[in-house]
Amino acid sequence: MIKGMLIDFGGTIDTDGVHWYRMFRDAYPMTVSDELLREAYVFGERNLEAGPNCTFHEMLEKKVALHGIGPDSVAEVCYARMKANIENVARPALEKVGLPMVLVTNFYGNMHTVLEEFGLSGLFVDVVESSVVGVRKPDPEIFRLGAKALGLDPAETVMVGDSPDKDIVPAHAAGCHTIWLKGQGWTEQVCSPDCTVTSLAQLPTAIQSFSSK
């Protein structure tokens, strides 16, 4: 029986399954080639520095500056889209789940600040953040830590995430049930989760189906 839920943040809660490369692709002028944008995206991800008090808005500004290929307005476009998604899709869905939840995420040490920024802090029992606990996805141990934070065995939890390689496969290896948020990935993806949704709006119904088994 499922008694608790683990969930990813980046690409899941913030964008409802849209990979951040694709978020930037939609915001940058089409005169920026895909090849150049992919290189800039990877460079920005690897070189971003964010302290514990850094907001997501500030992170986006830093990333766009690191990209060095387009207008500063790209950060504002992406932020507005992300904020609308959280307010209109993610928060309503999470409020209807009806299970205790722990956030399990690869992040920069500022996840609590970001949750406060979007009014999400009260939804989670705890946060298991890679840069804080010293374990990164796809290590299955990070999902065991998430289950432990809920006071549950992994088999009593379900992990929700957008990445087969970083969320679904390792969470399954840790003993969790899995729900794949199938969206617009970095590349074409194949996955064999326990359940698939195409939007977090479908999550409450998916959770109910687990509870009825």
N, C-alpha and C. Protein backbone atom coordinates (compact mmCIF):
# COMPACT_ATOMS: atom_id res chain seq x y z
N MET A 1 0.84 -1.20 0.00
CA MET A 1 0.00 0.00 0.00
C MET A 1 0.88 1.25 0.00
N ILE A 2 0.53 2.22 -0.83
CA ILE A 2 1.29 3.46 -0.91
C ILE A 2 0.88 4.39 0.24
N LYS A 3 1.87 4.79 1.04
CA LYS A 3 1.60 5.65 2.19
C LYS A 3 2.25 7.03 2.08
N GLY A 4 3.14 7.21 1.11
CA GLY A 4 3.83 8.48 0.97
C GLY A 4 4.36 8.66 -0.44
N MET A 5 4.66 9.89 -0.79
CA MET A 5 5.11 10.20 -2.15
C MET A 5 6.42 10.97 -2.13
N LEU A 6 7.32 10.60 -3.03
CA LEU A 6 8.55 11.34 -3.30
C LEU A 6 8.36 12.02 -4.65
N ILE A 7 8.88 13.22 -4.81
CA ILE A 7 8.71 13.91 -6.08
C ILE A 7 9.91 14.79 -6.40
N ASP A 8 10.24 14.84 -7.66
CA ASP A 8 11.32 15.66 -8.20
C ASP A 8 10.84 17.11 -8.34
N PHE A 9 11.79 18.04 -8.43
CA PHE A 9 11.43 19.45 -8.66
C PHE A 9 11.71 19.87 -10.10
N GLY A 10 12.99 19.91 -10.50
CA GLY A 10 13.36 20.42 -11.81
C GLY A 10 12.87 19.56 -12.95
N GLY A 11 12.06 20.13 -13.84
CA GLY A 11 11.48 19.39 -14.94
C GLY A 11 10.18 18.69 -14.57
N THR A 12 9.83 18.72 -13.31
CA THR A 12 8.61 18.07 -12.83
C THR A 12 7.67 19.11 -12.25
N ILE A 13 7.94 19.58 -11.05
CA ILE A 13 7.08 20.57 -10.43
C ILE A 13 7.16 21.91 -11.16
N ASP A 14 8.36 22.30 -11.56
CA ASP A 14 8.51 23.66 -12.11
C ASP A 14 8.02 23.79 -13.55
N THR A 15 8.16 22.75 -14.38
CA THR A 15 7.82 22.89 -15.79
C THR A 15 6.80 21.88 -16.30
N ASP A 16 6.30 21.02 -15.43
CA ASP A 16 5.30 20.01 -15.80
C ASP A 16 5.78 19.12 -16.94
N GLY A 17 7.02 18.67 -16.82
CA GLY A 17 7.56 17.69 -17.75
C GLY A 17 8.33 18.25 -18.93
N VAL A 18 8.48 19.56 -19.00
CA VAL A 18 9.24 20.16 -20.10
C VAL A 18 10.69 20.34 -19.66
N HIS A 19 11.62 19.72 -20.38
CA HIS A 19 13.04 19.85 -20.05
C HIS A 19 13.45 21.32 -20.16
N TRP A 20 14.35 21.75 -19.26
CA TRP A 20 14.72 23.16 -19.25
C TRP A 20 15.41 23.61 -20.53
N TYR A 21 16.09 22.71 -21.24
CA TYR A 21 16.62 23.11 -22.54
C TYR A 21 15.48 23.57 -23.45
N ARG A 22 14.38 22.85 -23.43
CA ARG A 22 13.24 23.20 -24.28
C ARG A 22 12.57 24.48 -23.81
N MET A 23 12.58 24.73 -22.50
CA MET A 23 12.06 26.00 -21.99
C MET A 23 12.87 27.16 -22.57
N PHE A 24 14.19 27.00 -22.54
CA PHE A 24 15.06 28.04 -23.10
C PHE A 24 14.90 28.14 -24.62
N ARG A 25 14.75 26.99 -25.29
CA ARG A 25 14.58 26.98 -26.74
C ARG A 25 13.37 27.82 -27.16
N ASP A 26 12.28 27.69 -26.40
CA ASP A 26 11.06 28.44 -26.71
C ASP A 26 11.22 29.93 -26.45
N ALA A 27 12.15 30.28 -25.54
CA ALA A 27 12.30 31.70 -25.16
C ALA A 27 13.37 32.43 -25.98
N TYR A 28 14.38 31.70 -26.45
CA TYR A 28 15.44 32.32 -27.23
C TYR A 28 14.97 32.57 -28.67
N PRO A 29 15.51 33.59 -29.33
CA PRO A 29 15.20 33.81 -30.75
C PRO A 29 15.63 32.60 -31.57
N MET A 30 14.87 32.30 -32.62
CA MET A 30 15.20 31.15 -33.46
C MET A 30 16.51 31.35 -34.23
N THR A 31 17.04 32.57 -34.22
CA THR A 31 18.34 32.80 -34.86
C THR A 31 19.47 32.13 -34.08
N VAL A 32 19.19 31.76 -32.82
CA VAL A 32 20.16 30.99 -32.03
C VAL A 32 20.00 29.52 -32.40
N SER A 33 21.03 28.91 -32.94
CA SER A 33 20.93 27.53 -33.40
C SER A 33 20.78 26.56 -32.24
N ASP A 34 20.19 25.40 -32.53
CA ASP A 34 20.03 24.37 -31.50
C ASP A 34 21.39 23.92 -30.97
N GLU A 35 22.36 23.77 -31.84
CA GLU A 35 23.69 23.32 -31.43
C GLU A 35 24.32 24.31 -30.46
N LEU A 36 24.25 25.59 -30.78
CA LEU A 36 24.82 26.61 -29.91
C LEU A 36 24.08 26.67 -28.58
N LEU A 37 22.76 26.57 -28.62
CA LEU A 37 21.98 26.64 -27.39
C LEU A 37 22.25 25.44 -26.49
N ARG A 38 22.38 24.27 -27.08
CA ARG A 38 22.68 23.08 -26.26
C ARG A 38 24.03 23.24 -25.56
N GLU A 39 25.02 23.74 -26.27
CA GLU A 39 26.33 23.96 -25.66
C GLU A 39 26.24 24.99 -24.54
N ALA A 40 25.49 26.07 -24.79
CA ALA A 40 25.33 27.12 -23.78
C ALA A 40 24.57 26.61 -22.57
N TYR A 41 23.55 25.78 -22.82
CA TYR A 41 22.76 25.23 -21.73
C TYR A 41 23.62 24.36 -20.80
N VAL A 42 24.38 23.46 -21.40
CA VAL A 42 25.24 22.58 -20.60
C VAL A 42 26.27 23.40 -19.82
N PHE A 43 26.85 24.41 -20.47
CA PHE A 43 27.82 25.27 -19.79
C PHE A 43 27.17 25.97 -18.59
N GLY A 44 25.97 26.49 -18.78
CA GLY A 44 25.28 27.17 -17.69
C GLY A 44 24.97 26.26 -16.53
N GLU A 45 24.53 25.03 -16.83
CA GLU A 45 24.21 24.08 -15.76
C GLU A 45 25.46 23.71 -14.95
N ARG A 46 26.57 23.55 -15.63
CA ARG A 46 27.79 23.09 -14.96
C ARG A 46 28.50 24.19 -14.18
N ASN A 47 28.25 25.43 -14.55
CA ASN A 47 29.01 26.53 -13.95
C ASN A 47 28.19 27.45 -13.05
N LEU A 48 26.90 27.16 -12.91
CA LEU A 48 26.06 27.99 -12.06
C LEU A 48 26.47 27.86 -10.60
N GLU A 49 26.57 28.97 -9.91
CA GLU A 49 26.80 28.99 -8.47
C GLU A 49 25.61 29.68 -7.82
N ALA A 50 24.98 28.98 -6.87
CA ALA A 50 23.80 29.52 -6.20
C ALA A 50 23.91 29.26 -4.72
N GLY A 51 23.97 30.33 -3.93
CA GLY A 51 24.03 30.19 -2.47
C GLY A 51 22.67 29.81 -1.91
N PRO A 52 22.60 29.51 -0.62
CA PRO A 52 21.35 29.04 -0.01
C PRO A 52 20.20 30.05 -0.08
N ASN A 53 20.50 31.33 -0.26
CA ASN A 53 19.45 32.35 -0.32
C ASN A 53 19.13 32.80 -1.75
N CYS A 54 19.66 32.10 -2.72
CA CYS A 54 19.45 32.46 -4.13
C CYS A 54 18.06 32.01 -4.57
N THR A 55 17.27 32.93 -5.10
CA THR A 55 15.94 32.59 -5.61
C THR A 55 16.03 31.96 -6.99
N PHE A 56 14.94 31.38 -7.44
CA PHE A 56 14.94 30.80 -8.78
C PHE A 56 15.05 31.89 -9.83
N HIS A 57 14.44 33.01 -9.58
CA HIS A 57 14.54 34.14 -10.50
C HIS A 57 16.00 34.55 -10.68
N GLU A 58 16.72 34.63 -9.58
CA GLU A 58 18.14 34.99 -9.64
C GLU A 58 18.94 33.90 -10.35
N MET A 59 18.57 32.64 -10.13
CA MET A 59 19.26 31.54 -10.82
C MET A 59 19.09 31.66 -12.34
N LEU A 60 17.87 31.96 -12.78
CA LEU A 60 17.64 32.10 -14.21
C LEU A 60 18.45 33.25 -14.80
N GLU A 61 18.51 34.35 -14.09
CA GLU A 61 19.32 35.47 -14.57
C GLU A 61 20.78 35.08 -14.69
N LYS A 62 21.29 34.33 -13.72
CA LYS A 62 22.67 33.87 -13.74
C LYS A 62 22.91 32.92 -14.92
N LYS A 63 21.95 31.99 -15.15
CA LYS A 63 22.11 31.03 -16.23
C LYS A 63 22.13 31.72 -17.59
N VAL A 64 21.21 32.65 -17.81
CA VAL A 64 21.15 33.35 -19.08
C VAL A 64 22.43 34.15 -19.31
N ALA A 65 22.95 34.74 -18.22
CA ALA A 65 24.21 35.47 -18.34
C ALA A 65 25.35 34.52 -18.71
N LEU A 66 25.35 33.32 -18.15
CA LEU A 66 26.37 32.33 -18.48
C LEU A 66 26.24 31.85 -19.92
N HIS A 67 25.01 31.77 -20.41
CA HIS A 67 24.80 31.36 -21.80
C HIS A 67 25.50 32.33 -22.75
N GLY A 68 25.31 33.62 -22.50
CA GLY A 68 25.98 34.65 -23.29
C GLY A 68 25.60 34.68 -24.76
N ILE A 69 24.37 34.27 -25.09
CA ILE A 69 24.00 34.16 -26.51
C ILE A 69 22.70 34.89 -26.86
N GLY A 70 22.07 35.54 -25.91
CA GLY A 70 20.79 36.13 -26.23
C GLY A 70 20.39 37.21 -25.25
N PRO A 71 19.19 37.76 -25.40
CA PRO A 71 18.73 38.86 -24.56
C PRO A 71 18.46 38.44 -23.12
N ASP A 72 18.64 39.39 -22.20
CA ASP A 72 18.36 39.14 -20.79
C ASP A 72 16.90 38.79 -20.56
N SER A 73 16.03 39.23 -21.48
CA SER A 73 14.59 39.00 -21.33
C SER A 73 14.22 37.52 -21.34
N VAL A 74 15.12 36.66 -21.81
CA VAL A 74 14.88 35.22 -21.82
C VAL A 74 14.57 34.73 -20.41
N ALA A 75 15.29 35.24 -19.43
CA ALA A 75 15.06 34.83 -18.04
C ALA A 75 13.64 35.18 -17.61
N GLU A 76 13.16 36.36 -17.97
CA GLU A 76 11.82 36.79 -17.58
C GLU A 76 10.75 35.94 -18.25
N VAL A 77 10.96 35.61 -19.52
CA VAL A 77 10.00 34.78 -20.25
C VAL A 77 9.89 33.40 -19.60
N CYS A 78 11.02 32.80 -19.30
CA CYS A 78 11.04 31.47 -18.68
C CYS A 78 10.43 31.50 -17.28
N TYR A 79 10.77 32.53 -16.53
CA TYR A 79 10.27 32.63 -15.16
C TYR A 79 8.75 32.77 -15.15
N ALA A 80 8.21 33.59 -16.03
CA ALA A 80 6.76 33.79 -16.09
C ALA A 80 6.05 32.48 -16.44
N ARG A 81 6.62 31.74 -17.38
CA ARG A 81 6.01 30.46 -17.77
C ARG A 81 6.06 29.46 -16.63
N MET A 82 7.20 29.39 -15.96
CA MET A 82 7.36 28.48 -14.83
C MET A 82 6.41 28.83 -13.70
N LYS A 83 6.32 30.12 -13.35
CA LYS A 83 5.46 30.57 -12.26
C LYS A 83 4.00 30.24 -12.55
N ALA A 84 3.58 30.47 -13.79
CA ALA A 84 2.20 30.16 -14.17
C ALA A 84 1.93 28.67 -14.06
N ASN A 85 2.91 27.84 -14.45
CA ASN A 85 2.74 26.40 -14.34
C ASN A 85 2.59 25.96 -12.89
N ILE A 86 3.41 26.50 -12.01
CA ILE A 86 3.33 26.13 -10.60
C ILE A 86 1.99 26.54 -10.02
N GLU A 87 1.55 27.73 -10.33
CA GLU A 87 0.30 28.24 -9.77
C GLU A 87 -0.93 27.52 -10.33
N ASN A 88 -0.90 27.19 -11.62
CA ASN A 88 -2.09 26.66 -12.28
C ASN A 88 -2.15 25.15 -12.37
N VAL A 89 -0.97 24.49 -12.31
CA VAL A 89 -0.94 23.04 -12.48
C VAL A 89 -0.35 22.33 -11.26
N ALA A 90 0.90 22.65 -10.92
CA ALA A 90 1.60 21.88 -9.90
C ALA A 90 0.97 22.01 -8.51
N ARG A 91 0.80 23.25 -8.03
CA ARG A 91 0.27 23.41 -6.68
C ARG A 91 -1.13 22.78 -6.53
N PRO A 92 -2.08 23.06 -7.42
CA PRO A 92 -3.39 22.43 -7.28
C PRO A 92 -3.32 20.90 -7.26
N ALA A 93 -2.46 20.33 -8.11
CA ALA A 93 -2.34 18.87 -8.15
C ALA A 93 -1.76 18.32 -6.85
N LEU A 94 -0.70 18.94 -6.36
CA LEU A 94 -0.05 18.46 -5.14
C LEU A 94 -0.97 18.59 -3.93
N GLU A 95 -1.78 19.61 -3.91
CA GLU A 95 -2.71 19.80 -2.79
C GLU A 95 -3.79 18.72 -2.75
N LYS A 96 -4.00 18.04 -3.88
CA LYS A 96 -5.04 17.01 -3.96
C LYS A 96 -4.49 15.59 -3.79
N VAL A 97 -3.20 15.45 -3.68
CA VAL A 97 -2.59 14.11 -3.62
C VAL A 97 -3.05 13.32 -2.40
N GLY A 98 -3.11 13.98 -1.26
CA GLY A 98 -3.61 13.31 -0.06
C GLY A 98 -2.62 12.39 0.61
N LEU A 99 -1.34 12.53 0.31
CA LEU A 99 -0.29 11.74 0.95
C LEU A 99 0.80 12.66 1.48
N PRO A 100 1.50 12.27 2.54
CA PRO A 100 2.68 13.04 2.94
C PRO A 100 3.72 12.98 1.84
N MET A 101 4.40 14.11 1.58
CA MET A 101 5.33 14.20 0.45
C MET A 101 6.70 14.69 0.88
N VAL A 102 7.71 14.14 0.24
CA VAL A 102 9.09 14.60 0.41
C VAL A 102 9.64 14.93 -0.98
N LEU A 103 10.30 16.07 -1.07
CA LEU A 103 10.94 16.48 -2.32
C LEU A 103 12.32 15.84 -2.40
N VAL A 104 12.62 15.16 -3.51
CA VAL A 104 13.92 14.53 -3.73
C VAL A 104 14.50 15.13 -5.00
N THR A 105 15.57 15.91 -4.85
CA THR A 105 16.02 16.71 -5.99
C THR A 105 17.53 16.90 -6.03
N ASN A 106 18.06 16.93 -7.25
CA ASN A 106 19.43 17.41 -7.46
C ASN A 106 19.35 18.93 -7.57
N PHE A 107 19.89 19.62 -6.57
CA PHE A 107 19.77 21.08 -6.58
C PHE A 107 21.00 21.71 -5.96
N TYR A 108 20.98 23.02 -5.82
CA TYR A 108 22.19 23.79 -5.54
C TYR A 108 22.37 24.22 -4.08
N GLY A 109 21.52 23.76 -3.19
CA GLY A 109 21.60 24.17 -1.78
C GLY A 109 20.60 25.24 -1.40
N ASN A 110 19.77 25.65 -2.36
CA ASN A 110 18.81 26.73 -2.12
C ASN A 110 17.36 26.29 -2.31
N MET A 111 17.11 24.99 -2.22
CA MET A 111 15.76 24.49 -2.48
C MET A 111 14.73 25.08 -1.54
N HIS A 112 15.08 25.25 -0.27
CA HIS A 112 14.12 25.82 0.68
C HIS A 112 13.76 27.26 0.30
N THR A 113 14.75 28.01 -0.17
CA THR A 113 14.49 29.38 -0.62
C THR A 113 13.54 29.38 -1.81
N VAL A 114 13.75 28.47 -2.74
CA VAL A 114 12.91 28.38 -3.93
C VAL A 114 11.48 27.98 -3.56
N LEU A 115 11.33 27.04 -2.65
CA LEU A 115 9.99 26.64 -2.22
C LEU A 115 9.25 27.79 -1.57
N GLU A 116 9.96 28.58 -0.78
CA GLU A 116 9.35 29.77 -0.18
C GLU A 116 8.95 30.77 -1.25
N GLU A 117 9.79 30.90 -2.26
CA GLU A 117 9.54 31.84 -3.36
C GLU A 117 8.21 31.56 -4.04
N PHE A 118 7.85 30.28 -4.16
CA PHE A 118 6.63 29.91 -4.86
C PHE A 118 5.51 29.45 -3.93
N GLY A 119 5.70 29.64 -2.64
CA GLY A 119 4.66 29.28 -1.67
C GLY A 119 4.38 27.79 -1.59
N LEU A 120 5.43 26.97 -1.74
CA LEU A 120 5.26 25.52 -1.75
C LEU A 120 5.76 24.83 -0.48
N SER A 121 6.40 25.56 0.40
CA SER A 121 7.07 24.94 1.55
C SER A 121 6.14 24.08 2.39
N GLY A 122 4.93 24.54 2.61
CA GLY A 122 4.02 23.82 3.48
C GLY A 122 3.51 22.51 2.94
N LEU A 123 3.83 22.20 1.69
CA LEU A 123 3.33 20.97 1.08
C LEU A 123 4.19 19.75 1.40
N PHE A 124 5.42 19.98 1.89
CA PHE A 124 6.37 18.88 2.03
C PHE A 124 6.77 18.62 3.48
N VAL A 125 6.84 17.34 3.81
CA VAL A 125 7.32 16.93 5.13
C VAL A 125 8.80 17.26 5.27
N ASP A 126 9.53 17.08 4.19
CA ASP A 126 10.99 17.31 4.22
C ASP A 126 11.49 17.49 2.79
N VAL A 127 12.75 17.91 2.69
CA VAL A 127 13.43 18.08 1.41
C VAL A 127 14.74 17.30 1.46
N VAL A 128 14.93 16.42 0.50
CA VAL A 128 16.20 15.70 0.35
C VAL A 128 16.89 16.28 -0.89
N GLU A 129 17.87 17.13 -0.65
CA GLU A 129 18.53 17.89 -1.70
C GLU A 129 19.97 17.41 -1.87
N SER A 130 20.34 17.09 -3.08
CA SER A 130 21.63 16.44 -3.34
C SER A 130 22.81 17.17 -2.73
N SER A 131 22.88 18.48 -2.91
CA SER A 131 24.04 19.23 -2.43
C SER A 131 24.08 19.32 -0.91
N VAL A 132 22.98 19.00 -0.26
CA VAL A 132 22.92 19.02 1.21
C VAL A 132 23.25 17.65 1.78
N VAL A 133 22.66 16.59 1.19
CA VAL A 133 22.84 15.24 1.76
C VAL A 133 24.07 14.54 1.20
N GLY A 134 24.67 15.09 0.14
CA GLY A 134 25.90 14.50 -0.41
C GLY A 134 25.67 13.29 -1.29
N VAL A 135 24.45 13.10 -1.75
CA VAL A 135 24.11 12.00 -2.67
C VAL A 135 23.31 12.60 -3.82
N ARG A 136 23.66 12.23 -5.06
CA ARG A 136 22.98 12.76 -6.24
C ARG A 136 22.26 11.66 -7.00
N LYS A 137 21.14 12.01 -7.58
CA LYS A 137 20.54 11.10 -8.56
C LYS A 137 21.55 10.94 -9.71
N PRO A 138 21.67 9.76 -10.24
CA PRO A 138 20.77 8.61 -10.14
C PRO A 138 21.13 7.58 -9.07
N ASP A 139 21.86 7.95 -8.05
CA ASP A 139 22.17 7.01 -6.97
C ASP A 139 20.87 6.63 -6.25
N PRO A 140 20.50 5.35 -6.21
CA PRO A 140 19.27 4.93 -5.55
C PRO A 140 19.20 5.33 -4.08
N GLU A 141 20.35 5.58 -3.46
CA GLU A 141 20.37 5.90 -2.04
C GLU A 141 19.58 7.18 -1.73
N ILE A 142 19.55 8.12 -2.67
CA ILE A 142 18.84 9.38 -2.40
C ILE A 142 17.34 9.13 -2.24
N PHE A 143 16.82 8.11 -2.91
CA PHE A 143 15.40 7.78 -2.79
C PHE A 143 15.13 7.03 -1.48
N ARG A 144 16.09 6.26 -1.05
CA ARG A 144 15.96 5.61 0.26
C ARG A 144 15.95 6.67 1.37
N LEU A 145 16.76 7.71 1.20
CA LEU A 145 16.75 8.82 2.16
C LEU A 145 15.40 9.51 2.17
N GLY A 146 14.79 9.64 0.98
CA GLY A 146 13.47 10.24 0.90
C GLY A 146 12.43 9.42 1.63
N ALA A 147 12.47 8.12 1.44
CA ALA A 147 11.54 7.24 2.15
C ALA A 147 11.76 7.30 3.65
N LYS A 148 13.03 7.34 4.05
CA LYS A 148 13.36 7.44 5.47
C LYS A 148 12.81 8.72 6.08
N ALA A 149 12.86 9.82 5.32
CA ALA A 149 12.33 11.10 5.81
C ALA A 149 10.83 11.02 6.04
N LEU A 150 10.17 10.13 5.33
CA LEU A 150 8.73 9.91 5.54
C LEU A 150 8.45 8.89 6.64
N GLY A 151 9.51 8.23 7.10
CA GLY A 151 9.33 7.18 8.09
C GLY A 151 8.75 5.92 7.48
N LEU A 152 9.03 5.69 6.19
CA LEU A 152 8.43 4.58 5.47
C LEU A 152 9.49 3.71 4.82
N ASP A 153 9.11 2.49 4.49
CA ASP A 153 9.93 1.63 3.65
C ASP A 153 9.77 2.11 2.21
N PRO A 154 10.81 2.02 1.37
CA PRO A 154 10.66 2.45 -0.02
C PRO A 154 9.46 1.82 -0.73
N ALA A 155 9.15 0.57 -0.41
CA ALA A 155 8.03 -0.13 -1.05
C ALA A 155 6.68 0.50 -0.71
N GLU A 156 6.66 1.35 0.31
CA GLU A 156 5.43 2.04 0.70
C GLU A 156 5.32 3.42 0.08
N THR A 157 6.28 3.75 -0.81
CA THR A 157 6.30 5.07 -1.42
C THR A 157 6.21 4.98 -2.94
N VAL A 158 5.85 6.11 -3.54
CA VAL A 158 5.87 6.23 -5.00
C VAL A 158 6.69 7.46 -5.35
N MET A 159 7.58 7.31 -6.33
CA MET A 159 8.42 8.42 -6.79
C MET A 159 7.84 8.96 -8.09
N VAL A 160 7.72 10.30 -8.14
CA VAL A 160 7.20 10.98 -9.33
C VAL A 160 8.32 11.83 -9.93
N GLY A 161 8.61 11.63 -11.21
CA GLY A 161 9.66 12.42 -11.83
C GLY A 161 9.58 12.37 -13.34
N ASP A 162 10.29 13.31 -13.98
CA ASP A 162 10.25 13.41 -15.44
C ASP A 162 11.38 12.67 -16.14
N SER A 163 12.42 12.29 -15.42
CA SER A 163 13.60 11.69 -16.04
C SER A 163 13.65 10.19 -15.81
N PRO A 164 13.58 9.39 -16.87
CA PRO A 164 13.73 7.94 -16.69
C PRO A 164 15.06 7.57 -16.03
N ASP A 165 16.16 8.19 -16.50
CA ASP A 165 17.48 7.82 -16.02
C ASP A 165 17.77 8.29 -14.59
N LYS A 166 17.25 9.47 -14.24
CA LYS A 166 17.57 10.05 -12.93
C LYS A 166 16.49 9.83 -11.88
N ASP A 167 15.27 9.59 -12.32
CA ASP A 167 14.17 9.43 -11.37
C ASP A 167 13.59 8.02 -11.34
N ILE A 168 13.14 7.53 -12.48
CA ILE A 168 12.33 6.32 -12.51
C ILE A 168 13.16 5.06 -12.30
N VAL A 169 14.21 4.88 -13.08
CA VAL A 169 15.02 3.66 -12.98
C VAL A 169 15.69 3.53 -11.60
N PRO A 170 16.38 4.58 -11.10
CA PRO A 170 17.02 4.43 -9.79
C PRO A 170 16.03 4.34 -8.63
N ALA A 171 14.88 5.01 -8.74
CA ALA A 171 13.88 4.89 -7.68
C ALA A 171 13.34 3.47 -7.62
N HIS A 172 13.13 2.87 -8.78
CA HIS A 172 12.70 1.47 -8.83
C HIS A 172 13.76 0.57 -8.20
N ALA A 173 15.03 0.86 -8.49
CA ALA A 173 16.12 0.08 -7.91
C ALA A 173 16.16 0.20 -6.39
N ALA A 174 15.71 1.35 -5.89
CA ALA A 174 15.67 1.56 -4.43
C ALA A 174 14.48 0.88 -3.78
N GLY A 175 13.55 0.38 -4.59
CA GLY A 175 12.39 -0.32 -4.06
C GLY A 175 11.10 0.47 -4.09
N CYS A 176 11.13 1.67 -4.69
CA CYS A 176 9.94 2.52 -4.74
C CYS A 176 9.06 2.14 -5.93
N HIS A 177 7.78 2.44 -5.81
CA HIS A 177 6.91 2.45 -6.98
C HIS A 177 7.21 3.73 -7.76
N THR A 178 6.79 3.80 -9.01
CA THR A 178 7.18 4.94 -9.83
C THR A 178 6.04 5.45 -10.71
N ILE A 179 6.00 6.78 -10.84
CA ILE A 179 5.11 7.44 -11.80
C ILE A 179 5.97 8.35 -12.66
N TRP A 180 5.96 8.09 -13.95
CA TRP A 180 6.75 8.88 -14.90
C TRP A 180 5.91 10.02 -15.46
N LEU A 181 6.40 11.24 -15.30
CA LEU A 181 5.80 12.40 -15.94
C LEU A 181 6.43 12.50 -17.33
N LYS A 182 5.73 11.98 -18.32
CA LYS A 182 6.24 11.95 -19.68
C LYS A 182 5.92 13.26 -20.38
N GLY A 183 6.94 14.04 -20.64
CA GLY A 183 6.74 15.34 -21.27
C GLY A 183 7.66 15.54 -22.44
N GLN A 184 8.24 16.72 -22.52
CA GLN A 184 9.18 17.05 -23.60
C GLN A 184 10.59 16.97 -23.04
N GLY A 185 11.24 15.84 -23.26
CA GLY A 185 12.56 15.61 -22.69
C GLY A 185 13.69 16.22 -23.51
N TRP A 186 14.90 16.06 -23.02
CA TRP A 186 16.11 16.51 -23.72
C TRP A 186 16.24 15.74 -25.03
N THR A 187 15.94 14.45 -24.96
CA THR A 187 15.92 13.58 -26.14
C THR A 187 14.69 12.68 -26.04
N GLU A 188 14.44 11.90 -27.07
CA GLU A 188 13.35 10.92 -27.02
C GLU A 188 13.63 9.91 -25.92
N GLN A 189 12.63 9.61 -25.09
CA GLN A 189 12.85 8.77 -23.93
C GLN A 189 11.96 7.54 -23.94
N VAL A 190 12.51 6.46 -23.38
CA VAL A 190 11.75 5.22 -23.22
C VAL A 190 11.80 4.84 -21.75
N CYS A 191 10.68 4.38 -21.22
CA CYS A 191 10.63 4.11 -19.79
C CYS A 191 9.58 3.05 -19.50
N SER A 192 9.76 2.31 -18.39
CA SER A 192 8.80 1.29 -17.98
C SER A 192 8.42 1.51 -16.51
N PRO A 193 7.68 2.59 -16.22
CA PRO A 193 7.28 2.88 -14.85
C PRO A 193 6.05 2.06 -14.46
N ASP A 194 5.63 2.19 -13.22
CA ASP A 194 4.38 1.56 -12.80
C ASP A 194 3.18 2.31 -13.36
N CYS A 195 3.37 3.60 -13.63
CA CYS A 195 2.29 4.43 -14.14
C CYS A 195 2.89 5.60 -14.91
N THR A 196 2.21 6.08 -15.94
CA THR A 196 2.66 7.22 -16.72
C THR A 196 1.58 8.29 -16.74
N VAL A 197 1.99 9.55 -16.53
CA VAL A 197 1.10 10.69 -16.70
C VAL A 197 1.77 11.67 -17.65
N THR A 198 0.98 12.51 -18.28
CA THR A 198 1.55 13.51 -19.19
C THR A 198 1.43 14.92 -18.63
N SER A 199 0.88 15.05 -17.45
CA SER A 199 0.80 16.33 -16.73
C SER A 199 0.58 16.04 -15.26
N LEU A 200 1.10 16.90 -14.41
CA LEU A 200 0.86 16.73 -12.98
C LEU A 200 -0.62 16.86 -12.64
N ALA A 201 -1.39 17.46 -13.53
CA ALA A 201 -2.83 17.55 -13.30
C ALA A 201 -3.46 16.16 -13.18
N GLN A 202 -2.81 15.14 -13.77
CA GLN A 202 -3.30 13.77 -13.72
C GLN A 202 -2.82 13.01 -12.47
N LEU A 203 -1.95 13.64 -11.69
CA LEU A 203 -1.32 12.95 -10.56
C LEU A 203 -2.30 12.48 -9.49
N PRO A 204 -3.23 13.31 -9.03
CA PRO A 204 -4.16 12.83 -7.98
C PRO A 204 -4.91 11.56 -8.39
N THR A 205 -5.35 11.48 -9.64
CA THR A 205 -6.04 10.29 -10.11
C THR A 205 -5.11 9.09 -10.16
N ALA A 206 -3.86 9.33 -10.57
CA ALA A 206 -2.88 8.24 -10.61
C ALA A 206 -2.61 7.70 -9.21
N ILE A 207 -2.50 8.59 -8.25
CA ILE A 207 -2.26 8.18 -6.86
C ILE A 207 -3.45 7.37 -6.34
N GLN A 208 -4.64 7.78 -6.68
CA GLN A 208 -5.84 7.03 -6.26
C GLN A 208 -5.83 5.63 -6.82
N SER A 209 -5.34 5.48 -8.04
CA SER A 209 -5.30 4.14 -8.64
C SER A 209 -4.35 3.23 -7.89
N PHE A 210 -3.24 3.78 -7.37
CA PHE A 210 -2.32 3.01 -6.55
C PHE A 210 -3.00 2.59 -5.24
N SER A 211 -3.73 3.51 -4.64
CA SER A 211 -4.37 3.25 -3.35
C SER A 211 -5.45 2.18 -3.45
N SER A 212 -6.03 2.04 -4.63
CA SER A 212 -7.12 1.08 -4.81
C SER A 212 -6.63 -0.34 -5.09
N LYS A 213 -5.31 -0.47 -5.33
CA LYS A 213 -4.76 -1.80 -5.64
C LYS A 213 -4.58 -2.63 -4.39
